[in-house]
Amino acid sequence: MVNTSAIVCWMVALVYGVTALILTKRSKPFPFFTGISIPAEKLTDVRAYNRDNGKMWALYAAIHVVAGLLALISNILGFVLFGLFIIPGLIVMYKIHKRIFDRYRNPESTEYY
């Protein structure tokens, strides 16, 4: 029997995991979901900024892998966990991303997140 919720969780985890890998190799600053590009001049260390963002996305992917494993116990549990992780998780990720941006923001830059 195919466990739909586990498959959905793992597919989402795969997308987030690939995003994390791309981020750790990227030389230009990676925007979050806003789509607003961040000029490299606004950051003190672009590679460290991308690496920290990659870690954030990798953690989010790992959470969805665990949700997929728990979904093997129950489809309903999988969908409930997925719903709990997807929207609140993105809000938490936005706040973490803001902290990462603030950590690497060039002090000479007058713009904030």
N, C-alpha and C. Protein backbone atom coordinates (compact mmCIF):
# COMPACT_ATOMS: atom_id res chain seq x y z
N MET A 1 0.83 -1.18 0.00
CA MET A 1 0.00 0.00 0.00
C MET A 1 0.88 1.25 0.00
N VAL A 2 0.53 2.20 -0.81
CA VAL A 2 1.29 3.44 -0.92
C VAL A 2 0.84 4.41 0.18
N ASN A 3 1.80 4.94 0.90
CA ASN A 3 1.51 5.91 1.95
C ASN A 3 1.68 7.31 1.36
N THR A 4 0.58 7.93 0.99
CA THR A 4 0.59 9.21 0.30
C THR A 4 1.24 10.31 1.12
N SER A 5 0.92 10.39 2.39
CA SER A 5 1.46 11.48 3.19
C SER A 5 2.98 11.35 3.36
N ALA A 6 3.48 10.13 3.47
CA ALA A 6 4.94 9.94 3.57
C ALA A 6 5.61 10.39 2.28
N ILE A 7 5.04 10.04 1.16
CA ILE A 7 5.61 10.42 -0.13
C ILE A 7 5.61 11.94 -0.29
N VAL A 8 4.51 12.59 0.09
CA VAL A 8 4.44 14.06 0.00
C VAL A 8 5.50 14.70 0.88
N CYS A 9 5.61 14.22 2.12
CA CYS A 9 6.62 14.77 3.04
C CYS A 9 8.02 14.59 2.47
N TRP A 10 8.32 13.44 1.92
CA TRP A 10 9.66 13.18 1.40
C TRP A 10 9.94 13.97 0.12
N MET A 11 8.92 14.18 -0.70
CA MET A 11 9.13 15.00 -1.90
C MET A 11 9.44 16.45 -1.52
N VAL A 12 8.70 16.96 -0.54
CA VAL A 12 8.97 18.33 -0.05
C VAL A 12 10.37 18.38 0.56
N ALA A 13 10.72 17.36 1.34
CA ALA A 13 12.06 17.31 1.95
C ALA A 13 13.14 17.29 0.87
N LEU A 14 12.88 16.59 -0.23
CA LEU A 14 13.85 16.54 -1.33
C LEU A 14 14.06 17.93 -1.93
N VAL A 15 12.97 18.66 -2.14
CA VAL A 15 13.07 20.01 -2.70
C VAL A 15 13.87 20.91 -1.75
N TYR A 16 13.56 20.83 -0.45
CA TYR A 16 14.28 21.65 0.53
C TYR A 16 15.74 21.23 0.65
N GLY A 17 15.99 19.94 0.56
CA GLY A 17 17.37 19.44 0.63
C GLY A 17 18.19 19.90 -0.56
N VAL A 18 17.61 19.85 -1.75
CA VAL A 18 18.31 20.33 -2.95
C VAL A 18 18.56 21.85 -2.84
N THR A 19 17.58 22.57 -2.31
CA THR A 19 17.76 24.01 -2.09
C THR A 19 18.94 24.24 -1.15
N ALA A 20 19.04 23.45 -0.09
CA ALA A 20 20.15 23.59 0.86
C ALA A 20 21.49 23.34 0.17
N LEU A 21 21.56 22.32 -0.67
CA LEU A 21 22.81 22.03 -1.39
C LEU A 21 23.18 23.16 -2.34
N ILE A 22 22.21 23.67 -3.05
CA ILE A 22 22.47 24.77 -3.98
C ILE A 22 22.98 25.99 -3.22
N LEU A 23 22.36 26.25 -2.08
CA LEU A 23 22.76 27.42 -1.28
C LEU A 23 24.20 27.33 -0.81
N THR A 24 24.63 26.16 -0.39
CA THR A 24 25.98 26.05 0.14
C THR A 24 27.05 26.23 -0.94
N LYS A 25 26.68 26.05 -2.19
CA LYS A 25 27.63 26.20 -3.31
C LYS A 25 27.53 27.54 -4.02
N ARG A 26 26.51 28.29 -3.73
CA ARG A 26 26.24 29.54 -4.44
C ARG A 26 27.18 30.65 -4.00
N SER A 27 27.62 31.47 -4.97
CA SER A 27 28.53 32.58 -4.64
C SER A 27 27.80 33.92 -4.53
N LYS A 28 26.57 33.98 -5.02
CA LYS A 28 25.77 35.20 -4.89
C LYS A 28 24.78 35.01 -3.75
N PRO A 29 24.40 36.10 -3.08
CA PRO A 29 23.42 35.97 -1.99
C PRO A 29 22.09 35.42 -2.50
N PHE A 30 21.54 34.53 -1.73
CA PHE A 30 20.29 33.88 -2.11
C PHE A 30 19.13 34.54 -1.37
N PRO A 31 18.12 35.04 -2.09
CA PRO A 31 16.97 35.64 -1.40
C PRO A 31 16.10 34.55 -0.78
N PHE A 32 15.33 34.92 0.19
CA PHE A 32 14.44 33.95 0.84
C PHE A 32 13.24 33.75 -0.08
N PHE A 33 12.02 33.95 0.35
CA PHE A 33 10.84 33.79 -0.50
C PHE A 33 10.38 35.10 -1.10
N THR A 34 10.93 36.18 -0.64
CA THR A 34 10.44 37.48 -1.07
C THR A 34 10.75 37.74 -2.53
N GLY A 35 11.78 37.10 -3.05
CA GLY A 35 12.17 37.32 -4.43
C GLY A 35 13.01 38.57 -4.61
N ILE A 36 13.22 39.31 -3.54
CA ILE A 36 14.05 40.51 -3.61
C ILE A 36 15.50 40.09 -3.54
N SER A 37 16.26 40.45 -4.57
CA SER A 37 17.66 40.07 -4.58
C SER A 37 18.44 40.94 -3.59
N ILE A 38 19.42 40.33 -2.97
CA ILE A 38 20.25 41.01 -1.99
C ILE A 38 21.61 41.25 -2.64
N PRO A 39 21.99 42.50 -2.85
CA PRO A 39 23.31 42.77 -3.42
C PRO A 39 24.42 42.30 -2.47
N ALA A 40 25.48 41.76 -3.02
CA ALA A 40 26.59 41.24 -2.21
C ALA A 40 27.21 42.33 -1.34
N GLU A 41 27.11 43.57 -1.78
CA GLU A 41 27.70 44.67 -1.00
C GLU A 41 27.00 44.87 0.34
N LYS A 42 25.78 44.37 0.46
CA LYS A 42 25.03 44.54 1.71
C LYS A 42 25.39 43.50 2.76
N LEU A 43 26.27 42.56 2.39
CA LEU A 43 26.66 41.50 3.31
C LEU A 43 28.16 41.53 3.55
N THR A 44 28.56 41.10 4.74
CA THR A 44 29.99 41.06 5.05
C THR A 44 30.64 39.79 4.53
N ASP A 45 29.90 38.68 4.50
CA ASP A 45 30.44 37.39 4.05
C ASP A 45 29.34 36.60 3.36
N VAL A 46 29.33 36.65 2.04
CA VAL A 46 28.26 36.03 1.25
C VAL A 46 28.28 34.51 1.42
N ARG A 47 29.45 33.91 1.38
CA ARG A 47 29.53 32.44 1.50
C ARG A 47 29.01 31.96 2.85
N ALA A 48 29.39 32.64 3.92
CA ALA A 48 28.90 32.25 5.26
C ALA A 48 27.39 32.47 5.36
N TYR A 49 26.92 33.56 4.77
CA TYR A 49 25.47 33.85 4.74
C TYR A 49 24.73 32.72 4.04
N ASN A 50 25.21 32.32 2.86
CA ASN A 50 24.58 31.23 2.12
C ASN A 50 24.71 29.90 2.86
N ARG A 51 25.85 29.66 3.49
CA ARG A 51 26.05 28.42 4.23
C ARG A 51 25.05 28.32 5.40
N ASP A 52 24.88 29.41 6.13
CA ASP A 52 23.92 29.40 7.24
C ASP A 52 22.49 29.21 6.74
N ASN A 53 22.16 29.84 5.63
CA ASN A 53 20.83 29.63 5.05
C ASN A 53 20.67 28.19 4.58
N GLY A 54 21.73 27.62 4.03
CA GLY A 54 21.69 26.21 3.61
C GLY A 54 21.44 25.28 4.79
N LYS A 55 22.07 25.58 5.93
CA LYS A 55 21.83 24.78 7.14
C LYS A 55 20.38 24.88 7.58
N MET A 56 19.81 26.08 7.48
CA MET A 56 18.42 26.28 7.86
C MET A 56 17.51 25.41 6.98
N TRP A 57 17.74 25.45 5.67
CA TRP A 57 16.92 24.66 4.74
C TRP A 57 17.14 23.17 4.96
N ALA A 58 18.38 22.75 5.26
CA ALA A 58 18.65 21.33 5.51
C ALA A 58 17.91 20.84 6.76
N LEU A 59 17.86 21.68 7.79
CA LEU A 59 17.12 21.32 8.99
C LEU A 59 15.63 21.18 8.68
N TYR A 60 15.11 22.10 7.90
CA TYR A 60 13.70 22.04 7.52
C TYR A 60 13.42 20.78 6.70
N ALA A 61 14.36 20.40 5.83
CA ALA A 61 14.21 19.16 5.06
C ALA A 61 14.21 17.96 6.00
N ALA A 62 15.10 17.96 6.98
CA ALA A 62 15.18 16.84 7.93
C ALA A 62 13.88 16.69 8.72
N ILE A 63 13.28 17.82 9.09
CA ILE A 63 12.01 17.78 9.81
C ILE A 63 10.93 17.10 8.95
N HIS A 64 10.95 17.38 7.65
CA HIS A 64 9.96 16.75 6.77
C HIS A 64 10.27 15.27 6.54
N VAL A 65 11.53 14.89 6.58
CA VAL A 65 11.87 13.46 6.49
C VAL A 65 11.31 12.73 7.70
N VAL A 66 11.49 13.32 8.89
CA VAL A 66 10.95 12.71 10.11
C VAL A 66 9.42 12.64 10.03
N ALA A 67 8.80 13.70 9.54
CA ALA A 67 7.34 13.68 9.39
C ALA A 67 6.92 12.56 8.44
N GLY A 68 7.70 12.33 7.39
CA GLY A 68 7.40 11.23 6.47
C GLY A 68 7.54 9.87 7.14
N LEU A 69 8.56 9.73 7.99
CA LEU A 69 8.72 8.47 8.72
C LEU A 69 7.55 8.24 9.67
N LEU A 70 7.12 9.30 10.35
CA LEU A 70 5.97 9.18 11.25
C LEU A 70 4.68 8.92 10.46
N ALA A 71 4.65 9.39 9.22
CA ALA A 71 3.48 9.15 8.37
C ALA A 71 3.35 7.67 8.02
N LEU A 72 4.45 6.93 8.10
CA LEU A 72 4.36 5.49 7.85
C LEU A 72 3.54 4.80 8.93
N ILE A 73 3.50 5.42 10.12
CA ILE A 73 2.66 4.88 11.20
C ILE A 73 1.19 5.15 10.90
N SER A 74 0.93 6.39 10.43
CA SER A 74 -0.46 6.76 10.16
C SER A 74 -0.49 7.85 9.09
N ASN A 75 -1.29 7.65 8.06
CA ASN A 75 -1.46 8.66 7.01
C ASN A 75 -1.98 9.96 7.60
N ILE A 76 -2.94 9.87 8.51
CA ILE A 76 -3.51 11.07 9.11
C ILE A 76 -2.46 11.82 9.90
N LEU A 77 -1.65 11.09 10.68
CA LEU A 77 -0.57 11.71 11.43
C LEU A 77 0.39 12.43 10.48
N GLY A 78 0.68 11.83 9.35
CA GLY A 78 1.57 12.45 8.37
C GLY A 78 1.02 13.75 7.83
N PHE A 79 -0.25 13.76 7.46
CA PHE A 79 -0.85 14.98 6.93
C PHE A 79 -0.96 16.07 7.99
N VAL A 80 -1.28 15.67 9.22
CA VAL A 80 -1.36 16.65 10.31
C VAL A 80 0.02 17.27 10.56
N LEU A 81 1.06 16.44 10.65
CA LEU A 81 2.41 16.97 10.86
C LEU A 81 2.85 17.84 9.70
N PHE A 82 2.54 17.41 8.49
CA PHE A 82 2.90 18.21 7.32
C PHE A 82 2.25 19.59 7.40
N GLY A 83 0.96 19.61 7.74
CA GLY A 83 0.26 20.89 7.87
C GLY A 83 0.82 21.76 8.98
N LEU A 84 1.20 21.11 10.08
CA LEU A 84 1.78 21.87 11.20
C LEU A 84 3.16 22.42 10.87
N PHE A 85 3.92 21.69 10.06
CA PHE A 85 5.28 22.11 9.74
C PHE A 85 5.33 23.12 8.59
N ILE A 86 4.44 23.02 7.64
CA ILE A 86 4.59 23.81 6.42
C ILE A 86 4.38 25.31 6.65
N ILE A 87 3.26 25.74 7.19
CA ILE A 87 3.01 27.17 7.35
C ILE A 87 3.74 27.74 8.58
N PRO A 88 3.53 27.18 9.77
CA PRO A 88 4.29 27.71 10.91
C PRO A 88 5.80 27.58 10.71
N GLY A 89 6.21 26.50 10.05
CA GLY A 89 7.64 26.30 9.79
C GLY A 89 8.21 27.40 8.90
N LEU A 90 7.46 27.80 7.90
CA LEU A 90 7.93 28.87 7.02
C LEU A 90 8.01 30.20 7.75
N ILE A 91 7.09 30.43 8.69
CA ILE A 91 7.13 31.66 9.48
C ILE A 91 8.39 31.66 10.36
N VAL A 92 8.66 30.53 10.98
CA VAL A 92 9.87 30.41 11.80
C VAL A 92 11.12 30.58 10.93
N MET A 93 11.09 29.97 9.75
CA MET A 93 12.24 30.10 8.84
C MET A 93 12.46 31.54 8.42
N TYR A 94 11.39 32.28 8.20
CA TYR A 94 11.51 33.69 7.84
C TYR A 94 12.23 34.45 8.96
N LYS A 95 11.85 34.17 10.20
CA LYS A 95 12.49 34.85 11.33
C LYS A 95 13.95 34.46 11.47
N ILE A 96 14.25 33.19 11.26
CA ILE A 96 15.64 32.74 11.30
C ILE A 96 16.43 33.39 10.17
N HIS A 97 15.84 33.44 8.98
CA HIS A 97 16.51 34.08 7.85
C HIS A 97 16.81 35.54 8.14
N LYS A 98 15.89 36.22 8.79
CA LYS A 98 16.11 37.62 9.15
C LYS A 98 17.30 37.74 10.10
N ARG A 99 17.39 36.83 11.06
CA ARG A 99 18.54 36.84 11.99
C ARG A 99 19.84 36.59 11.24
N ILE A 100 19.82 35.66 10.30
CA ILE A 100 21.02 35.38 9.50
C ILE A 100 21.40 36.61 8.71
N PHE A 101 20.42 37.25 8.09
CA PHE A 101 20.70 38.47 7.32
C PHE A 101 21.29 39.54 8.23
N ASP A 102 20.69 39.73 9.40
CA ASP A 102 21.19 40.74 10.33
C ASP A 102 22.61 40.42 10.80
N ARG A 103 22.94 39.14 10.96
CA ARG A 103 24.28 38.74 11.39
C ARG A 103 25.33 39.10 10.34
N TYR A 104 24.99 38.96 9.06
CA TYR A 104 25.96 39.19 7.99
C TYR A 104 25.76 40.52 7.26
N ARG A 105 24.82 41.34 7.75
CA ARG A 105 24.58 42.63 7.11
C ARG A 105 25.80 43.52 7.27
N ASN A 106 26.17 44.15 6.18
CA ASN A 106 27.31 45.08 6.19
C ASN A 106 26.91 46.29 7.05
N PRO A 107 27.71 46.63 8.07
CA PRO A 107 27.34 47.75 8.93
C PRO A 107 27.26 49.08 8.19
N GLU A 108 27.92 49.16 7.04
CA GLU A 108 27.88 50.39 6.26
C GLU A 108 26.57 50.52 5.47
N SER A 109 25.85 49.43 5.34
CA SER A 109 24.59 49.44 4.62
C SER A 109 23.50 50.02 5.52
N THR A 110 22.75 50.94 5.00
CA THR A 110 21.70 51.58 5.79
C THR A 110 20.39 50.81 5.71
N GLU A 111 20.31 49.85 4.82
CA GLU A 111 19.08 49.10 4.64
C GLU A 111 19.03 47.92 5.61
N TYR A 112 17.83 47.67 6.08
CA TYR A 112 17.58 46.53 6.94
C TYR A 112 16.68 45.59 6.20
N TYR A 113 16.46 44.46 6.76
CA TYR A 113 15.64 43.42 6.14
C TYR A 113 14.21 43.88 6.03
